[in-house]
C-alpha cells in the first residue's frame, strides 16, 4: 500500500490508465477477430458483399489501432505489425479479383 499521499494518487492514476489501456487492447483484438472471420467467410464464398464487409472491418480495425497508438496504448511498431498482418490476410482476396 502507498505510504504517502502522492504515492496513493499515482497508484490510483496507474489503475485508471491500466483499465483504459485494457479497454483499448480488448477492442483492437475484438475488431481483428471480426475482420479475420469476415475474411474467412469471403474466402469460402467470394461475393462482392462479403469483400465489402471485409474492407469495412479492415477500416474499423485500422482506425482503432491508429487511435491506440496515438493514445500511447500500443507502441507504433506493434501497431504497424498488427496492421501488416491484417493487410496480409486480405491480399489473396484482392489478387483473385484482378
Protein backbone atom coordinates (compact mmCIF):
# COMPACT_ATOMS: atom_id res chain seq x y z
CA UNK A 1 0.00 0.00 0.00
CA UNK A 2 1.11 3.54 -0.71
CA UNK A 3 2.73 5.36 2.22
CA UNK A 4 2.34 8.95 1.06
CA UNK A 5 -0.46 10.98 -0.41
CA UNK A 6 1.37 11.43 -3.71
CA UNK A 7 2.16 7.71 -3.96
CA UNK A 8 -1.52 6.92 -3.35
CA UNK A 9 -2.51 9.32 -6.11
CA UNK A 10 0.00 7.78 -8.52
CA UNK A 11 -1.38 4.31 -7.73
CA UNK A 12 -4.92 5.50 -8.47
CA UNK A 13 -3.83 7.09 -11.74
CA UNK A 14 -1.92 3.96 -12.75
CA UNK A 15 -5.00 1.82 -12.10
CA UNK A 16 -7.21 4.18 -14.11
CA UNK A 17 -4.76 4.12 -17.01
CA UNK A 18 -4.44 0.33 -16.82
CA UNK A 19 -8.20 -0.07 -17.20
CA UNK A 20 -8.29 2.38 -20.11
CA UNK A 21 -5.41 0.61 -21.85
CA UNK A 22 -7.10 -2.74 -21.26
CA UNK A 23 -10.27 -1.47 -22.93
CA UNK A 24 -8.36 -0.27 -26.00
CA UNK A 25 -6.41 -3.52 -26.33
CA UNK A 26 -9.55 -5.58 -25.95
CA UNK A 27 -11.34 -3.53 -28.61
CA UNK A 28 -8.40 -3.95 -31.00
CA UNK A 29 -8.41 -7.73 -30.50
CA UNK A 30 -12.18 -7.91 -30.98
CA UNK A 31 -12.08 -5.92 -34.22
CA UNK A 32 -9.19 -8.04 -35.50
CA UNK A 33 -11.15 -11.25 -34.81
CA UNK A 34 -14.23 -9.85 -36.56
CA UNK A 35 -12.06 -8.96 -39.55
CA UNK A 36 -10.44 -12.41 -39.67
CA UNK A 37 -13.90 -14.02 -39.55
CA UNK A 38 -15.09 -11.76 -42.38
CA UNK A 39 -12.05 -12.69 -44.49
CA UNK A 40 -12.60 -16.40 -43.80
CA UNK A 41 -16.24 -16.10 -44.88
CA UNK A 42 -15.20 -14.23 -48.02
CA UNK A 43 -12.56 -16.85 -48.83
CA UNK A 44 -15.11 -19.65 -48.52
CA UNK A 45 -17.69 -17.88 -50.64
CA UNK A 46 -16.26 -14.86 -52.51
CA UNK A 47 -19.06 -12.41 -53.21
CA UNK A 48 -18.85 -8.65 -53.64
CA UNK A 49 -20.90 -8.11 -50.47
CA UNK A 50 -18.54 -10.21 -48.36
CA UNK A 51 -15.50 -8.46 -49.84
CA UNK A 52 -17.06 -5.12 -48.99
CA UNK A 53 -17.78 -6.37 -45.46
CA UNK A 54 -14.13 -7.43 -45.07
CA UNK A 55 -12.97 -4.00 -46.27
CA UNK A 56 -15.28 -2.29 -43.77
CA UNK A 57 -13.95 -4.47 -40.93
CA UNK A 58 -10.38 -3.69 -42.02
CA UNK A 59 -11.10 0.03 -41.91
CA UNK A 60 -12.59 -0.25 -38.39
CA UNK A 61 -9.62 -2.24 -37.13
CA UNK A 62 -7.11 0.20 -38.68
CA UNK A 63 -8.89 3.12 -37.05
CA UNK A 64 -8.88 1.55 -33.59
CA UNK A 65 -5.22 0.51 -33.91
CA UNK A 66 -4.24 4.04 -35.01
CA UNK A 67 -6.15 5.55 -32.10
CA UNK A 68 -4.49 3.17 -29.64
CA UNK A 69 -1.08 4.19 -30.99
CA UNK A 70 -2.00 7.86 -30.72
CA UNK A 71 -3.10 7.40 -27.10
CA UNK A 72 0.12 5.57 -26.23
CA UNK A 73 -1.60 2.25 -25.53
CA UNK A 74 0.31 0.45 -28.29
CA UNK A 75 3.87 1.01 -29.41
CA UNK A 76 3.99 2.26 -33.03
CA UNK A 77 5.88 -0.84 -34.19
CA UNK A 78 3.32 -3.09 -32.51
CA UNK A 79 0.51 -1.26 -34.30
CA UNK A 80 2.33 -1.44 -37.62
CA UNK A 81 2.81 -5.19 -37.16
CA UNK A 82 -0.89 -5.70 -36.43
CA UNK A 83 -1.91 -3.65 -39.47
CA UNK A 84 0.54 -5.59 -41.64
CA UNK A 85 -0.98 -8.89 -40.51
CA UNK A 86 -4.45 -7.61 -41.34
CA UNK A 87 -3.40 -6.45 -44.82
CA UNK A 88 -1.59 -9.74 -45.44
CA UNK A 89 -4.83 -11.67 -44.91
CA UNK A 90 -6.69 -9.51 -47.43
CA UNK A 91 -4.05 -9.75 -50.16
CA UNK A 92 -5.15 -13.12 -51.67
CA UNK A 93 -8.73 -11.87 -51.97
CA UNK A 94 -7.74 -8.75 -53.87
CA UNK A 95 -5.41 -10.65 -56.20
CA UNK A 96 -8.10 -13.17 -57.22
CA UNK A 97 -10.44 -10.27 -58.06
CA UNK A 98 -8.00 -8.75 -60.56
